[in-house]
C-alpha atoms as a PDB file:
ATOM      1  CA  UNK A   1     241.388  77.066 -78.979  1.00  0.00           C
ATOM      2  CA  UNK A   2     238.170  76.087 -78.281  1.00  0.00           C
ATOM      3  CA  UNK A   3     238.377  77.066 -74.725  1.00  0.00           C
ATOM      4  CA  UNK A   4     239.909  80.828 -75.575  1.00  0.00           C
ATOM      5  CA  UNK A   5     237.292  80.571 -78.093  1.00  0.00           C
ATOM      6  CA  UNK A   6     234.179  79.967 -75.556  1.00  0.00           C
ATOM      7  CA  UNK A   7     235.964  81.922 -72.650  1.00  0.00           C
ATOM      8  CA  UNK A   8     235.861  85.103 -75.273  1.00  0.00           C
ATOM      9  CA  UNK A   9     231.978  84.840 -76.165  1.00  0.00           C
ATOM     10  CA  UNK A  10     231.117  84.688 -72.025  1.00  0.00           C
ATOM     11  CA  UNK A  11     232.646  88.801 -72.050  1.00  0.00           C
ATOM     12  CA  UNK A  12     231.565  90.930 -74.401  1.00  0.00           C
ATOM     13  CA  UNK A  13     234.994  93.105 -75.621  1.00  0.00           C
ATOM     14  CA  UNK A  14     233.421  95.129 -78.608  1.00  0.00           C
ATOM     15  CA  UNK A  15     232.151  97.532 -75.604  1.00  0.00           C
ATOM     16  CA  UNK A  16     234.118 100.423 -73.772  1.00  0.00           C
ATOM     17  CA  UNK A  17     235.944  99.298 -70.039  1.00  0.00           C
ATOM     18  CA  UNK A  18     233.949 100.503 -66.783  1.00  0.00           C
ATOM     19  CA  UNK A  19     236.344 102.260 -64.538  1.00  0.00           C
ATOM     20  CA  UNK A  20     236.074 103.498 -61.046  1.00  0.00           C
ATOM     21  CA  UNK A  21     237.182 107.154 -60.764  1.00  0.00           C
ATOM     22  CA  UNK A  22     237.940 108.772 -56.752  1.00  0.00           C
ATOM     23  CA  UNK A  23     239.513 112.039 -56.904  1.00  0.00           C
ATOM     24  CA  UNK A  24     243.336 111.040 -58.888  1.00  0.00           C
ATOM     25  CA  UNK A  25     242.051 107.370 -58.905  1.00  0.00           C
ATOM     26  CA  UNK A  26     241.089 105.835 -62.506  1.00  0.00           C
ATOM     27  CA  UNK A  27     241.252 102.455 -62.962  1.00  0.00           C
ATOM     28  CA  UNK A  28     239.473  99.818 -64.421  1.00  0.00           C
ATOM     29  CA  UNK A  29     237.684  96.883 -62.448  1.00  0.00           C
ATOM     30  CA  UNK A  30     239.120  94.225 -63.836  1.00  0.00           C
ATOM     31  CA  UNK A  31     242.223  95.843 -62.672  1.00  0.00           C
ATOM     32  CA  UNK A  32     240.822  96.703 -59.476  1.00  0.00           C
ATOM     33  CA  UNK A  33     240.039  92.905 -58.542  1.00  0.00           C
ATOM     34  CA  UNK A  34     243.348  91.676 -59.423  1.00  0.00           C
ATOM     35  CA  UNK A  35     244.900  94.735 -57.114  1.00  0.00           C
ATOM     36  CA  UNK A  36     242.543  93.329 -54.392  1.00  0.00           C
ATOM     37  CA  UNK A  37     242.792  89.303 -54.980  1.00  0.00           C
ATOM     38  CA  UNK A  38     246.627  90.667 -54.390  1.00  0.00           C
ATOM     39  CA  UNK A  39     246.097  92.183 -51.655  1.00  0.00           C
ATOM     40  CA  UNK A  40     244.487  89.386 -49.866  1.00  0.00           C
ATOM     41  CA  UNK A  41     247.189  87.272 -50.850  1.00  0.00           C
ATOM     42  CA  UNK A  42     249.856  89.515 -49.454  1.00  0.00           C
ATOM     43  CA  UNK A  43     247.703  89.905 -45.541  1.00  0.00           C
ATOM     44  CA  UNK A  44     247.112  85.744 -45.911  1.00  0.00           C
ATOM     45  CA  UNK A  45     251.138  85.348 -46.655  1.00  0.00           C
ATOM     46  CA  UNK A  46     251.591  87.768 -43.550  1.00  0.00           C
ATOM     47  CA  UNK A  47     249.004  86.404 -40.734  1.00  0.00           C
ATOM     48  CA  UNK A  48     249.271  82.760 -41.954  1.00  0.00           C
ATOM     49  CA  UNK A  49     251.841  80.398 -39.795  1.00  0.00           C
ATOM     50  CA  UNK A  50     254.887  79.190 -41.817  1.00  0.00           C
ATOM     51  CA  UNK A  51     253.854  75.323 -42.463  1.00  0.00           C
ATOM     52  CA  UNK A  52     257.651  74.464 -41.356  1.00  0.00           C
ATOM     53  CA  UNK A  53     257.814  76.431 -38.168  1.00  0.00           C
ATOM     54  CA  UNK A  54     256.660  73.926 -35.686  1.00  0.00           C
ATOM     55  CA  UNK A  55     259.167  70.956 -36.925  1.00  0.00           C
ATOM     56  CA  UNK A  56     262.042  73.150 -36.240  1.00  0.00           C
ATOM     57  CA  UNK A  57     260.970  73.497 -33.028  1.00  0.00           C
ATOM     58  CA  UNK A  58     260.570  70.310 -31.912  1.00  0.00           C
ATOM     59  CA  UNK A  59     263.708  69.134 -33.684  1.00  0.00           C
ATOM     60  CA  UNK A  60     265.185  71.156 -30.825  1.00  0.00           C
END
């Protein structure tokens, strides 16, 4: 429980959240960061080579 108390002390939870408002899009900064990390992970999974691809070609 000590770690959670320490982490909660780093971020003030008594204030209102900060939001990005762009036309119809209204999202908090924290959710925007999570969405960006998910998109980066998805793109990296598409572009990086699959680890077992070279071994299958050598066995044929």
